[in-house]
Amino acid sequence: MEQTLFDKYGGFATVSRIVSAFYDEVLDSPRLSPYFDGLDMRRLVDHQTKFIASLMGGPASFSNEALVRAHAKLGIDSDDFDEAVKILKFTLEDFDLEEGDISRIIGDVVSRRHYIVTQS
């Protein structure tokens, strides 16, 4: 059986550190930080850790309908989405993931764009 990216990079411990570092950068972004005003960041980081873990072949799973519900009222546009993806890519690079693995994760995120972006 092929090893998952989740296992290859150390499971939830590593994914949690990646997601925490990602949100540190997101919250420093003037473009993205307003989306997170007043949110329970601990809960969001936990939820996002499970989501990224699922993209890496980990035990969690998320439906596309859940993505739609979570983002429907946020008014996310393509530029905001692209900024978040760029930050995620840089974060994955900072954690020394292999380029092919980064491309796979980013590709999985980008393939869900239409579930997250709600503004033209």
PDB file of N, CA and C in Angstrom:
ATOM      1  N   MET A   1       0.844  -1.184   0.000  1.00  0.00           N
ATOM      2  CA  MET A   1       0.000   0.000   0.000  1.00  0.00           C
ATOM      3  C   MET A   1       0.890   1.249   0.000  1.00  0.00           C
ATOM      4  N   GLU A   2       0.518   2.211  -0.823  1.00  0.00           N
ATOM      5  CA  GLU A   2       1.279   3.450  -0.919  1.00  0.00           C
ATOM      6  C   GLU A   2       1.082   4.304   0.337  1.00  0.00           C
ATOM      7  N   GLN A   3       2.167   4.875   0.814  1.00  0.00           N
ATOM      8  CA  GLN A   3       2.109   5.739   1.986  1.00  0.00           C
ATOM      9  C   GLN A   3       1.407   7.047   1.630  1.00  0.00           C
ATOM     10  N   THR A   4       0.508   7.488   2.499  1.00  0.00           N
ATOM     11  CA  THR A   4      -0.185   8.756   2.268  1.00  0.00           C
ATOM     12  C   THR A   4       0.750   9.922   2.593  1.00  0.00           C
ATOM     13  N   LEU A   5       0.435  11.080   2.045  1.00  0.00           N
ATOM     14  CA  LEU A   5       1.192  12.285   2.401  1.00  0.00           C
ATOM     15  C   LEU A   5       1.033  12.581   3.882  1.00  0.00           C
ATOM     16  N   PHE A   6      -0.141  12.287   4.413  1.00  0.00           N
ATOM     17  CA  PHE A   6      -0.413  12.489   5.834  1.00  0.00           C
ATOM     18  C   PHE A   6       0.609  11.725   6.675  1.00  0.00           C
ATOM     19  N   ASP A   7       0.813  10.442   6.354  1.00  0.00           N
ATOM     20  CA  ASP A   7       1.778   9.631   7.103  1.00  0.00           C
ATOM     21  C   ASP A   7       3.218  10.031   6.783  1.00  0.00           C
ATOM     22  N   LYS A   8       3.477  10.305   5.526  1.00  0.00           N
ATOM     23  CA  LYS A   8       4.828  10.660   5.084  1.00  0.00           C
ATOM     24  C   LYS A   8       5.387  11.856   5.850  1.00  0.00           C
ATOM     25  N   TYR A   9       4.515  12.823   6.147  1.00  0.00           N
ATOM     26  CA  TYR A   9       4.987  14.054   6.784  1.00  0.00           C
ATOM     27  C   TYR A   9       4.709  14.128   8.283  1.00  0.00           C
ATOM     28  N   GLY A  10       4.270  13.035   8.889  1.00  0.00           N
ATOM     29  CA  GLY A  10       4.194  13.014  10.341  1.00  0.00           C
ATOM     30  C   GLY A  10       2.821  13.153  10.949  1.00  0.00           C
ATOM     31  N   GLY A  11       1.777  13.008  10.160  1.00  0.00           N
ATOM     32  CA  GLY A  11       0.424  12.970  10.699  1.00  0.00           C
ATOM     33  C   GLY A  11      -0.070  14.306  11.226  1.00  0.00           C
ATOM     34  N   PHE A  12      -0.999  14.198  12.183  1.00  0.00           N
ATOM     35  CA  PHE A  12      -1.661  15.396  12.698  1.00  0.00           C
ATOM     36  C   PHE A  12      -0.694  16.394  13.327  1.00  0.00           C
ATOM     37  N   ALA A  13       0.381  15.921  13.937  1.00  0.00           N
ATOM     38  CA  ALA A  13       1.322  16.849  14.586  1.00  0.00           C
ATOM     39  C   ALA A  13       1.896  17.832  13.563  1.00  0.00           C
ATOM     40  N   THR A  14       2.333  17.320  12.430  1.00  0.00           N
ATOM     41  CA  THR A  14       2.900  18.188  11.397  1.00  0.00           C
ATOM     42  C   THR A  14       1.827  19.031  10.730  1.00  0.00           C
ATOM     43  N   VAL A  15       0.704  18.411  10.394  1.00  0.00           N
ATOM     44  CA  VAL A  15      -0.367  19.156   9.721  1.00  0.00           C
ATOM     45  C   VAL A  15      -0.844  20.299  10.604  1.00  0.00           C
ATOM     46  N   SER A  16      -0.947  20.068  11.891  1.00  0.00           N
ATOM     47  CA  SER A  16      -1.369  21.115  12.823  1.00  0.00           C
ATOM     48  C   SER A  16      -0.382  22.282  12.820  1.00  0.00           C
ATOM     49  N   ARG A  17       0.902  21.985  12.792  1.00  0.00           N
ATOM     50  CA  ARG A  17       1.912  23.052  12.744  1.00  0.00           C
ATOM     51  C   ARG A  17       1.833  23.814  11.420  1.00  0.00           C
ATOM     52  N   ILE A  18       1.611  23.095  10.334  1.00  0.00           N
ATOM     53  CA  ILE A  18       1.473  23.745   9.024  1.00  0.00           C
ATOM     54  C   ILE A  18       0.283  24.693   9.033  1.00  0.00           C
ATOM     55  N   VAL A  19      -0.853  24.214   9.512  1.00  0.00           N
ATOM     56  CA  VAL A  19      -2.072  25.029   9.508  1.00  0.00           C
ATOM     57  C   VAL A  19      -1.920  26.231  10.434  1.00  0.00           C
ATOM     58  N   SER A  20      -1.305  26.052  11.581  1.00  0.00           N
ATOM     59  CA  SER A  20      -1.077  27.184  12.490  1.00  0.00           C
ATOM     60  C   SER A  20      -0.190  28.238  11.831  1.00  0.00           C
ATOM     61  N   ALA A  21       0.869  27.802  11.173  1.00  0.00           N
ATOM     62  CA  ALA A  21       1.756  28.744  10.475  1.00  0.00           C
ATOM     63  C   ALA A  21       1.022  29.432   9.326  1.00  0.00           C
ATOM     64  N   PHE A  22       0.187  28.690   8.611  1.00  0.00           N
ATOM     65  CA  PHE A  22      -0.619  29.255   7.528  1.00  0.00           C
ATOM     66  C   PHE A  22      -1.504  30.377   8.060  1.00  0.00           C
ATOM     67  N   TYR A  23      -2.213  30.126   9.164  1.00  0.00           N
ATOM     68  CA  TYR A  23      -3.107  31.157   9.691  1.00  0.00           C
ATOM     69  C   TYR A  23      -2.349  32.338  10.280  1.00  0.00           C
ATOM     70  N   ASP A  24      -1.145  32.121  10.798  1.00  0.00           N
ATOM     71  CA  ASP A  24      -0.329  33.261  11.233  1.00  0.00           C
ATOM     72  C   ASP A  24      -0.101  34.208  10.061  1.00  0.00           C
ATOM     73  N   GLU A  25       0.188  33.654   8.896  1.00  0.00           N
ATOM     74  CA  GLU A  25       0.406  34.473   7.698  1.00  0.00           C
ATOM     75  C   GLU A  25      -0.896  35.081   7.183  1.00  0.00           C
ATOM     76  N   VAL A  26      -1.963  34.309   7.190  1.00  0.00           N
ATOM     77  CA  VAL A  26      -3.269  34.806   6.733  1.00  0.00           C
ATOM     78  C   VAL A  26      -3.704  35.999   7.582  1.00  0.00           C
ATOM     79  N   LEU A  27      -3.522  35.893   8.884  1.00  0.00           N
ATOM     80  CA  LEU A  27      -3.941  36.980   9.775  1.00  0.00           C
ATOM     81  C   LEU A  27      -3.069  38.221   9.614  1.00  0.00           C
ATOM     82  N   ASP A  28      -1.884  38.066   9.027  1.00  0.00           N
ATOM     83  CA  ASP A  28      -1.030  39.214   8.714  1.00  0.00           C
ATOM     84  C   ASP A  28      -1.354  39.825   7.352  1.00  0.00           C
ATOM     85  N   SER A  29      -2.217  39.178   6.596  1.00  0.00           N
ATOM     86  CA  SER A  29      -2.566  39.657   5.260  1.00  0.00           C
ATOM     87  C   SER A  29      -3.697  40.677   5.338  1.00  0.00           C
ATOM     88  N   PRO A  30      -3.445  41.923   4.919  1.00  0.00           N
ATOM     89  CA  PRO A  30      -4.521  42.922   4.933  1.00  0.00           C
ATOM     90  C   PRO A  30      -5.726  42.494   4.093  1.00  0.00           C
ATOM     91  N   ARG A  31      -5.485  41.737   3.063  1.00  0.00           N
ATOM     92  CA  ARG A  31      -6.556  41.280   2.184  1.00  0.00           C
ATOM     93  C   ARG A  31      -7.426  40.212   2.864  1.00  0.00           C
ATOM     94  N   LEU A  32      -6.804  39.306   3.627  1.00  0.00           N
ATOM     95  CA  LEU A  32      -7.524  38.151   4.161  1.00  0.00           C
ATOM     96  C   LEU A  32      -7.938  38.274   5.622  1.00  0.00           C
ATOM     97  N   SER A  33      -7.198  39.021   6.404  1.00  0.00           N
ATOM     98  CA  SER A  33      -7.470  39.058   7.847  1.00  0.00           C
ATOM     99  C   SER A  33      -8.890  39.487   8.204  1.00  0.00           C
ATOM    100  N   PRO A  34      -9.534  40.390   7.446  1.00  0.00           N
ATOM    101  CA  PRO A  34     -10.902  40.773   7.827  1.00  0.00           C
ATOM    102  C   PRO A  34     -11.905  39.611   7.848  1.00  0.00           C
ATOM    103  N   TYR A  35     -11.649  38.575   7.075  1.00  0.00           N
ATOM    104  CA  TYR A  35     -12.552  37.417   7.081  1.00  0.00           C
ATOM    105  C   TYR A  35     -12.585  36.714   8.439  1.00  0.00           C
ATOM    106  N   PHE A  36     -11.574  36.943   9.251  1.00  0.00           N
ATOM    107  CA  PHE A  36     -11.424  36.175  10.479  1.00  0.00           C
ATOM    108  C   PHE A  36     -11.707  36.981  11.740  1.00  0.00           C
ATOM    109  N   ASP A  37     -12.144  38.226  11.572  1.00  0.00           N
ATOM    110  CA  ASP A  37     -12.490  39.056  12.724  1.00  0.00           C
ATOM    111  C   ASP A  37     -13.587  38.382  13.537  1.00  0.00           C
ATOM    112  N   GLY A  38     -13.337  38.224  14.815  1.00  0.00           N
ATOM    113  CA  GLY A  38     -14.346  37.691  15.719  1.00  0.00           C
ATOM    114  C   GLY A  38     -14.526  36.185  15.673  1.00  0.00           C
ATOM    115  N   LEU A  39     -13.724  35.483  14.904  1.00  0.00           N
ATOM    116  CA  LEU A  39     -13.856  34.029  14.838  1.00  0.00           C
ATOM    117  C   LEU A  39     -13.046  33.352  15.934  1.00  0.00           C
ATOM    118  N   ASP A  40     -13.493  32.196  16.335  1.00  0.00           N
ATOM    119  CA  ASP A  40     -12.762  31.350  17.270  1.00  0.00           C
ATOM    120  C   ASP A  40     -11.647  30.665  16.476  1.00  0.00           C
ATOM    121  N   MET A  41     -10.466  31.245  16.504  1.00  0.00           N
ATOM    122  CA  MET A  41      -9.374  30.754  15.669  1.00  0.00           C
ATOM    123  C   MET A  41      -8.919  29.360  16.086  1.00  0.00           C
ATOM    124  N   ARG A  42      -8.987  29.051  17.350  1.00  0.00           N
ATOM    125  CA  ARG A  42      -8.592  27.709  17.790  1.00  0.00           C
ATOM    126  C   ARG A  42      -9.481  26.658  17.128  1.00  0.00           C
ATOM    127  N   ARG A  43     -10.768  26.938  17.107  1.00  0.00           N
ATOM    128  CA  ARG A  43     -11.725  26.016  16.478  1.00  0.00           C
ATOM    129  C   ARG A  43     -11.488  25.938  14.970  1.00  0.00           C
ATOM    130  N   LEU A  44     -11.243  27.085  14.357  1.00  0.00           N
ATOM    131  CA  LEU A  44     -11.002  27.117  12.923  1.00  0.00           C
ATOM    132  C   LEU A  44      -9.723  26.361  12.558  1.00  0.00           C
ATOM    133  N   VAL A  45      -8.662  26.563  13.311  1.00  0.00           N
ATOM    134  CA  VAL A  45      -7.403  25.858  13.054  1.00  0.00           C
ATOM    135  C   VAL A  45      -7.610  24.353  13.200  1.00  0.00           C
ATOM    136  N   ASP A  46      -8.358  23.940  14.209  1.00  0.00           N
ATOM    137  CA  ASP A  46      -8.642  22.517  14.390  1.00  0.00           C
ATOM    138  C   ASP A  46      -9.399  21.963  13.182  1.00  0.00           C
ATOM    139  N   HIS A  47     -10.416  22.692  12.757  1.00  0.00           N
ATOM    140  CA  HIS A  47     -11.221  22.268  11.613  1.00  0.00           C
ATOM    141  C   HIS A  47     -10.368  22.219  10.342  1.00  0.00           C
ATOM    142  N   GLN A  48      -9.567  23.253  10.120  1.00  0.00           N
ATOM    143  CA  GLN A  48      -8.730  23.316   8.921  1.00  0.00           C
ATOM    144  C   GLN A  48      -7.640  22.248   8.948  1.00  0.00           C
ATOM    145  N   THR A  49      -7.144  21.923  10.134  1.00  0.00           N
ATOM    146  CA  THR A  49      -6.160  20.847  10.262  1.00  0.00           C
ATOM    147  C   THR A  49      -6.761  19.536   9.771  1.00  0.00           C
ATOM    148  N   LYS A  50      -7.985  19.268  10.161  1.00  0.00           N
ATOM    149  CA  LYS A  50      -8.653  18.044   9.704  1.00  0.00           C
ATOM    150  C   LYS A  50      -8.883  18.078   8.196  1.00  0.00           C
ATOM    151  N   PHE A  51      -9.239  19.255   7.663  1.00  0.00           N
ATOM    152  CA  PHE A  51      -9.460  19.374   6.221  1.00  0.00           C
ATOM    153  C   PHE A  51      -8.168  19.110   5.445  1.00  0.00           C
ATOM    154  N   ILE A  52      -7.081  19.774   5.826  1.00  0.00           N
ATOM    155  CA  ILE A  52      -5.807  19.574   5.128  1.00  0.00           C
ATOM    156  C   ILE A  52      -5.335  18.134   5.307  1.00  0.00           C
ATOM    157  N   ALA A  53      -5.529  17.575   6.499  1.00  0.00           N
ATOM    158  CA  ALA A  53      -5.181  16.168   6.719  1.00  0.00           C
ATOM    159  C   ALA A  53      -5.938  15.269   5.750  1.00  0.00           C
ATOM    160  N   SER A  54      -7.210  15.572   5.530  1.00  0.00           N
ATOM    161  CA  SER A  54      -7.997  14.750   4.607  1.00  0.00           C
ATOM    162  C   SER A  54      -7.451  14.856   3.182  1.00  0.00           C
ATOM    163  N   LEU A  55      -7.009  16.051   2.779  1.00  0.00           N
ATOM    164  CA  LEU A  55      -6.423  16.214   1.446  1.00  0.00           C
ATOM    165  C   LEU A  55      -5.122  15.431   1.308  1.00  0.00           C
ATOM    166  N   MET A  56      -4.463  15.199   2.433  1.00  0.00           N
ATOM    167  CA  MET A  56      -3.194  14.475   2.437  1.00  0.00           C
ATOM    168  C   MET A  56      -3.382  12.978   2.666  1.00  0.00           C
ATOM    169  N   GLY A  57      -4.632  12.522   2.648  1.00  0.00           N
ATOM    170  CA  GLY A  57      -4.896  11.097   2.817  1.00  0.00           C
ATOM    171  C   GLY A  57      -5.091  10.669   4.254  1.00  0.00           C
ATOM    172  N   GLY A  58      -5.278  11.634   5.150  1.00  0.00           N
ATOM    173  CA  GLY A  58      -5.489  11.334   6.559  1.00  0.00           C
ATOM    174  C   GLY A  58      -6.897  10.848   6.840  1.00  0.00           C
ATOM    175  N   PRO A  59      -7.200  10.613   8.110  1.00  0.00           N
ATOM    176  CA  PRO A  59      -8.456   9.966   8.486  1.00  0.00           C
ATOM    177  C   PRO A  59      -9.709  10.829   8.390  1.00  0.00           C
ATOM    178  N   ALA A  60      -9.582  12.125   8.337  1.00  0.00           N
ATOM    179  CA  ALA A  60     -10.770  12.987   8.293  1.00  0.00           C
ATOM    180  C   ALA A  60     -11.323  13.030   6.871  1.00  0.00           C
ATOM    181  N   SER A  61     -12.602  13.385   6.762  1.00  0.00           N
ATOM    182  CA  SER A  61     -13.183  13.567   5.427  1.00  0.00           C
ATOM    183  C   SER A  61     -14.163  14.728   5.464  1.00  0.00           C
ATOM    184  N   PHE A  62     -14.250  15.426   4.350  1.00  0.00           N
ATOM    185  CA  PHE A  62     -15.122  16.593   4.242  1.00  0.00           C
ATOM    186  C   PHE A  62     -15.859  16.532   2.922  1.00  0.00           C
ATOM    187  N   SER A  63     -17.115  16.904   2.954  1.00  0.00           N
ATOM    188  CA  SER A  63     -17.897  16.943   1.719  1.00  0.00           C
ATOM    189  C   SER A  63     -17.775  18.323   1.082  1.00  0.00           C
ATOM    190  N   ASN A  64     -17.983  18.363  -0.207  1.00  0.00           N
ATOM    191  CA  ASN A  64     -17.983  19.650  -0.899  1.00  0.00           C
ATOM    192  C   ASN A  64     -19.149  20.510  -0.440  1.00  0.00           C
ATOM    193  N   GLU A  65     -20.250  19.874  -0.053  1.00  0.00           N
ATOM    194  CA  GLU A  65     -21.397  20.617   0.468  1.00  0.00           C
ATOM    195  C   GLU A  65     -21.031  21.345   1.760  1.00  0.00           C
ATOM    196  N   ALA A  66     -20.204  20.724   2.581  1.00  0.00           N
ATOM    197  CA  ALA A  66     -19.748  21.377   3.813  1.00  0.00           C
ATOM    198  C   ALA A  66     -18.903  22.608   3.484  1.00  0.00           C
ATOM    199  N   LEU A  67     -18.091  22.527   2.440  1.00  0.00           N
ATOM    200  CA  LEU A  67     -17.307  23.692   2.016  1.00  0.00           C
ATOM    201  C   LEU A  67     -18.218  24.826   1.572  1.00  0.00           C
ATOM    202  N   VAL A  68     -19.258  24.487   0.822  1.00  0.00           N
ATOM    203  CA  VAL A  68     -20.212  25.505   0.371  1.00  0.00           C
ATOM    204  C   VAL A  68     -20.861  26.172   1.576  1.00  0.00           C
ATOM    205  N   ARG A  69     -21.346  25.383   2.525  1.00  0.00           N
ATOM    206  CA  ARG A  69     -22.007  25.943   3.721  1.00  0.00           C
ATOM    207  C   ARG A  69     -21.064  26.836   4.517  1.00  0.00           C
ATOM    208  N   ALA A  70     -19.823  26.415   4.661  1.00  0.00           N
ATOM    209  CA  ALA A  70     -18.861  27.165   5.475  1.00  0.00           C
ATOM    210  C   ALA A  70     -18.475  28.502   4.848  1.00  0.00           C
ATOM    211  N   HIS A  71     -18.528  28.599   3.526  1.00  0.00           N
ATOM    212  CA  HIS A  71     -18.030  29.793   2.843  1.00  0.00           C
ATOM    213  C   HIS A  71     -19.106  30.631   2.169  1.00  0.00           C
ATOM    214  N   ALA A  72     -20.336  30.160   2.150  1.00  0.00           N
ATOM    215  CA  ALA A  72     -21.407  30.781   1.355  1.00  0.00           C
ATOM    216  C   ALA A  72     -21.624  32.257   1.660  1.00  0.00           C
ATOM    217  N   LYS A  73     -21.552  32.645   2.905  1.00  0.00           N
ATOM    218  CA  LYS A  73     -21.890  34.023   3.286  1.00  0.00           C
ATOM    219  C   LYS A  73     -20.670  34.924   3.451  1.00  0.00           C
ATOM    220  N   LEU A  74     -19.502  34.434   3.068  1.00  0.00           N
ATOM    221  CA  LEU A  74     -18.279  35.199   3.306  1.00  0.00           C
ATOM    222  C   LEU A  74     -17.923  36.159   2.180  1.00  0.00           C
ATOM    223  N   GLY A  75     -18.478  35.966   1.003  1.00  0.00           N
ATOM    224  CA  GLY A  75     -18.178  36.865  -0.106  1.00  0.00           C
ATOM    225  C   GLY A  75     -16.750  36.769  -0.599  1.00  0.00           C
ATOM    226  N   ILE A  76     -16.200  35.579  -0.617  1.00  0.00           N
ATOM    227  CA  ILE A  76     -14.819  35.384  -1.057  1.00  0.00           C
ATOM    228  C   ILE A  76     -14.748  35.518  -2.574  1.00  0.00           C
ATOM    229  N   ASP A  77     -13.808  36.348  -3.044  1.00  0.00           N
ATOM    230  CA  ASP A  77     -13.628  36.478  -4.492  1.00  0.00           C
ATOM    231  C   ASP A  77     -12.371  35.718  -4.932  1.00  0.00           C
ATOM    232  N   SER A  78     -12.161  35.667  -6.234  1.00  0.00           N
ATOM    233  CA  SER A  78     -11.038  34.898  -6.784  1.00  0.00           C
ATOM    234  C   SER A  78      -9.687  35.412  -6.303  1.00  0.00           C
ATOM    235  N   ASP A  79      -9.538  36.727  -6.175  1.00  0.00           N
ATOM    236  CA  ASP A  79      -8.264  37.281  -5.710  1.00  0.00           C
ATOM    237  C   ASP A  79      -7.970  36.857  -4.271  1.00  0.00           C
ATOM    238  N   ASP A  80      -9.003  36.851  -3.429  1.00  0.00           N
ATOM    239  CA  ASP A  80      -8.827  36.411  -2.042  1.00  0.00           C
ATOM    240  C   ASP A  80      -8.441  34.934  -1.998  1.00  0.00           C
ATOM    241  N   PHE A  81      -9.141  34.137  -2.782  1.00  0.00           N
ATOM    242  CA  PHE A  81      -8.848  32.705  -2.843  1.00  0.00           C
ATOM    243  C   PHE A  81      -7.405  32.485  -3.297  1.00  0.00           C
ATOM    244  N   ASP A  82      -7.008  33.182  -4.351  1.00  0.00           N
ATOM    245  CA  ASP A  82      -5.649  33.030  -4.870  1.00  0.00           C
ATOM    246  C   ASP A  82      -4.605  33.440  -3.838  1.00  0.00           C
ATOM    247  N   GLU A  83      -4.890  34.487  -3.074  1.00  0.00           N
ATOM    248  CA  GLU A  83      -3.969  34.923  -2.014  1.00  0.00           C
ATOM    249  C   GLU A  83      -3.819  33.827  -0.958  1.00  0.00           C
ATOM    250  N   ALA A  84      -4.916  33.226  -0.555  1.00  0.00           N
ATOM    251  CA  ALA A  84      -4.862  32.155   0.444  1.00  0.00           C
ATOM    252  C   ALA A  84      -4.088  30.951  -0.095  1.00  0.00           C
ATOM    253  N   VAL A  85      -4.304  30.606  -1.349  1.00  0.00           N
ATOM    254  CA  VAL A  85      -3.583  29.486  -1.958  1.00  0.00           C
ATOM    255  C   VAL A  85      -2.088  29.787  -2.019  1.00  0.00           C
ATOM    256  N   LYS A  86      -1.737  31.011  -2.365  1.00  0.00           N
ATOM    257  CA  LYS A  86      -0.327  31.411  -2.418  1.00  0.00           C
ATOM    258  C   LYS A  86       0.315  31.273  -1.033  1.00  0.00           C
ATOM    259  N   ILE A  87      -0.387  31.725  -0.009  1.00  0.00           N
ATOM    260  CA  ILE A  87       0.138  31.612   1.357  1.00  0.00           C
ATOM    261  C   ILE A  87       0.277  30.147   1.748  1.00  0.00           C
ATOM    262  N   LEU A  88      -0.707  29.324   1.397  1.00  0.00           N
ATOM    263  CA  LEU A  88      -0.614  27.894   1.708  1.00  0.00           C
ATOM    264  C   LEU A  88       0.595  27.275   1.011  1.00  0.00           C
ATOM    265  N   LYS A  89       0.810  27.609  -0.241  1.00  0.00           N
ATOM    266  CA  LYS A  89       1.957  27.062  -0.979  1.00  0.00           C
ATOM    267  C   LYS A  89       3.270  27.458  -0.305  1.00  0.00           C
ATOM    268  N   PHE A  90       3.419  28.729   0.040  1.00  0.00           N
ATOM    269  CA  PHE A  90       4.636  29.175   0.720  1.00  0.00           C
ATOM    270  C   PHE A  90       4.808  28.468   2.065  1.00  0.00           C
ATOM    271  N   THR A  91       3.711  28.263   2.771  1.00  0.00           N
ATOM    272  CA  THR A  91       3.776  27.587   4.068  1.00  0.00           C
ATOM    273  C   THR A  91       4.234  26.144   3.896  1.00  0.00           C
ATOM    274  N   LEU A  92       3.676  25.452   2.921  1.00  0.00           N
ATOM    275  CA  LEU A  92       4.096  24.069   2.661  1.00  0.00           C
ATOM    276  C   LEU A  92       5.573  24.015   2.281  1.00  0.00           C
ATOM    277  N   GLU A  93       6.035  24.987   1.520  1.00  0.00           N
ATOM    278  CA  GLU A  93       7.460  25.059   1.168  1.00  0.00           C
ATOM    279  C   GLU A  93       8.310  25.287   2.416  1.00  0.00           C
ATOM    280  N   ASP A  94       7.839  26.137   3.318  1.00  0.00           N
ATOM    281  CA  ASP A  94       8.572  26.402   4.560  1.00  0.00           C
ATOM    282  C   ASP A  94       8.737  25.145   5.404  1.00  0.00           C
ATOM    283  N   PHE A  95       7.800  24.208   5.268  1.00  0.00           N
ATOM    284  CA  PHE A  95       7.865  22.954   6.018  1.00  0.00           C
ATOM    285  C   PHE A  95       8.575  21.854   5.222  1.00  0.00           C
ATOM    286  N   ASP A  96       9.214  22.253   4.139  1.00  0.00           N
ATOM    287  CA  ASP A  96      10.056  21.357   3.335  1.00  0.00           C
ATOM    288  C   ASP A  96       9.321  20.162   2.744  1.00  0.00           C
ATOM    289  N   LEU A  97       8.048  20.350   2.404  1.00  0.00           N
ATOM    290  CA  LEU A  97       7.370  19.303   1.662  1.00  0.00           C
ATOM    291  C   LEU A  97       7.960  19.262   0.258  1.00  0.00           C
ATOM    292  N   GLU A  98       7.958  18.091  -0.335  1.00  0.00           N
ATOM    293  CA  GLU A  98       8.483  17.944  -1.687  1.00  0.00           C
ATOM    294  C   GLU A  98       7.582  18.674  -2.678  1.00  0.00           C
ATOM    295  N   GLU A  99       8.197  19.207  -3.728  1.00  0.00           N
ATOM    296  CA  GLU A  99       7.462  20.027  -4.698  1.00  0.00           C
ATOM    297  C   GLU A  99       6.272  19.285  -5.302  1.00  0.00           C
ATOM    298  N   GLY A 100       6.452  18.014  -5.652  1.00  0.00           N
ATOM    299  CA  GLY A 100       5.346  17.239  -6.212  1.00  0.00           C
ATOM    300  C   GLY A 100       4.202  17.074  -5.229  1.00  0.00           C
ATOM    301  N   ASP A 101       4.527  16.913  -3.959  1.00  0.00           N
ATOM    302  CA  ASP A 101       3.500  16.778  -2.922  1.00  0.00           C
ATOM    303  C   ASP A 101       2.769  18.102  -2.717  1.00  0.00           C
ATOM    304  N   ILE A 102       3.515  19.202  -2.759  1.00  0.00           N
ATOM    305  CA  ILE A 102       2.898  20.526  -2.654  1.00  0.00           C
ATOM    306  C   ILE A 102       1.936  20.733  -3.818  1.00  0.00           C
ATOM    307  N   SER A 103       2.372  20.389  -5.010  1.00  0.00           N
ATOM    308  CA  SER A 103       1.514  20.551  -6.191  1.00  0.00           C
ATOM    309  C   SER A 103       0.230  19.745  -6.057  1.00  0.00           C
ATOM    310  N   ARG A 104       0.338  18.558  -5.510  1.00  0.00           N
ATOM    311  CA  ARG A 104      -0.855  17.711  -5.324  1.00  0.00           C
ATOM    312  C   ARG A 104      -1.828  18.346  -4.335  1.00  0.00           C
ATOM    313  N   ILE A 105      -1.319  18.818  -3.201  1.00  0.00           N
ATOM    314  CA  ILE A 105      -2.178  19.442  -2.187  1.00  0.00           C
ATOM    315  C   ILE A 105      -2.806  20.716  -2.743  1.00  0.00           C
ATOM    316  N   ILE A 106      -1.994  21.558  -3.362  1.00  0.00           N
ATOM    317  CA  ILE A 106      -2.509  22.809  -3.928  1.00  0.00           C
ATOM    318  C   ILE A 106      -3.537  22.502  -5.014  1.00  0.00           C
ATOM    319  N   GLY A 107      -3.278  21.509  -5.831  1.00  0.00           N
ATOM    320  CA  GLY A 107      -4.233  21.114  -6.858  1.00  0.00           C
ATOM    321  C   GLY A 107      -5.565  20.688  -6.273  1.00  0.00           C
ATOM    322  N   ASP A 108      -5.518  19.951  -5.157  1.00  0.00           N
ATOM    323  CA  ASP A 108      -6.756  19.537  -4.485  1.00  0.00           C
ATOM    324  C   ASP A 108      -7.524  20.743  -3.954  1.00  0.00           C
ATOM    325  N   VAL A 109      -6.811  21.715  -3.410  1.00  0.00           N
ATOM    326  CA  VAL A 109      -7.468  22.928  -2.910  1.00  0.00           C
ATOM    327  C   VAL A 109      -8.065  23.709  -4.078  1.00  0.00           C
ATOM    328  N   VAL A 110      -7.279  23.928  -5.116  1.00  0.00           N
ATOM    329  CA  VAL A 110      -7.740  24.712  -6.266  1.00  0.00           C
ATOM    330  C   VAL A 110      -8.936  24.045  -6.943  1.00  0.00           C
ATOM    331  N   SER A 111      -8.983  22.725  -6.936  1.00  0.00           N
ATOM    332  CA  SER A 111     -10.111  22.025  -7.560  1.00  0.00           C
ATOM    333  C   SER A 111     -11.429  22.297  -6.834  1.00  0.00           C
ATOM    334  N   ARG A 112     -11.351  22.841  -5.636  1.00  0.00           N
ATOM    335  CA  ARG A 112     -12.548  23.156  -4.844  1.00  0.00           C
ATOM    336  C   ARG A 112     -12.892  24.650  -4.879  1.00  0.00           C
ATOM    337  N   ARG A 113     -12.208  25.392  -5.728  1.00  0.00           N
ATOM    338  CA  ARG A 113     -12.413  26.842  -5.836  1.00  0.00           C
ATOM    339  C   ARG A 113     -13.895  27.198  -5.929  1.00  0.00           C
ATOM    340  N   HIS A 114     -14.630  26.540  -6.803  1.00  0.00           N
ATOM    341  CA  HIS A 114     -16.028  26.920  -7.038  1.00  0.00           C
ATOM    342  C   HIS A 114     -16.940  26.627  -5.845  1.00  0.00           C
ATOM    343  N   TYR A 115     -16.458  25.891  -4.862  1.00  0.00           N
ATOM    344  CA  TYR A 115     -17.222  25.683  -3.635  1.00  0.00           C
ATOM    345  C   TYR A 115     -16.949  26.787  -2.612  1.00  0.00           C
ATOM    346  N   ILE A 116     -15.875  27.535  -2.805  1.00  0.00           N
ATOM    347  CA  ILE A 116     -15.418  28.523  -1.827  1.00  0.00           C
ATOM    348  C   ILE A 116     -15.620  29.953  -2.323  1.00  0.00           C
ATOM    349  N   VAL A 117     -15.316  30.203  -3.584  1.00  0.00           N
ATOM    350  CA  VAL A 117     -15.448  31.542  -4.166  1.00  0.00           C
ATOM    351  C   VAL A 117     -16.918  31.805  -4.469  1.00  0.00           C
ATOM    352  N   THR A 118     -17.425  32.917  -3.926  1.00  0.00           N
ATOM    353  CA  THR A 118     -18.845  33.240  -4.119  1.00  0.00           C
ATOM    354  C   THR A 118     -19.054  34.575  -4.814  1.00  0.00           C
ATOM    355  N   GLN A 119     -17.979  35.324  -5.043  1.00  0.00           N
ATOM    356  CA  GLN A 119     -18.075  36.630  -5.708  1.00  0.00           C
ATOM    357  C   GLN A 119     -17.249  36.606  -6.982  1.00  0.00           C
ATOM    358  N   SER A 120     -17.734  37.307  -7.996  1.00  0.00           N
ATOM    359  CA  SER A 120     -16.981  37.379  -9.264  1.00  0.00           C
ATOM    360  C   SER A 120     -15.840  38.358  -9.160  1.00  0.00           C
TER     361      SER A 120
END
